[in-house]
Amino acid sequence: MNKSPERGFILLDVLLALVVLAGAILVTFQALRSSLRALEANHQFFRAALLLEDHVGMMERGENSEEKSMDDPILGPVTWEEAPIPTGDQTWHRERARLAWGQGSHAQSLELSTPIPD
């Protein structure tokens, strides 16, 4: 009985195919994990922008918030800083608001300035 070498897969072919498949699955999961981290960071940044915009709106309306820190359900502990920016004009000035969240290497901040009439 003559057996042809082209008749089927050898064990080495199957193992090589499994290694390639495992590598493709690993790369796919790494990309998914990275995408989820980026999505979470964007979600936090968007939430911080909403909080900062709300705070600046209060400043523009002349409502001073006594809170300089709060606990946000998405960002965790956040702190506010406000500082006037001189303009040289007697009718208005600029006010800078800064929101900071996170700790250590994950600390982030967002800053915005707005004109405020005197």
Foldseek 3Di string as FASTA:
>chain_A
DDDDPPPDDDPVVVVVVVVVVVVVVVVVVVVVVVVVVVVLVVVLVVVQVVVVVVQVVCVQVVNDDPAQWDQDPSQGIKGKDKDWDADPDQFKTKMKIKIWGDDDPPIDMDMDIDIHTD
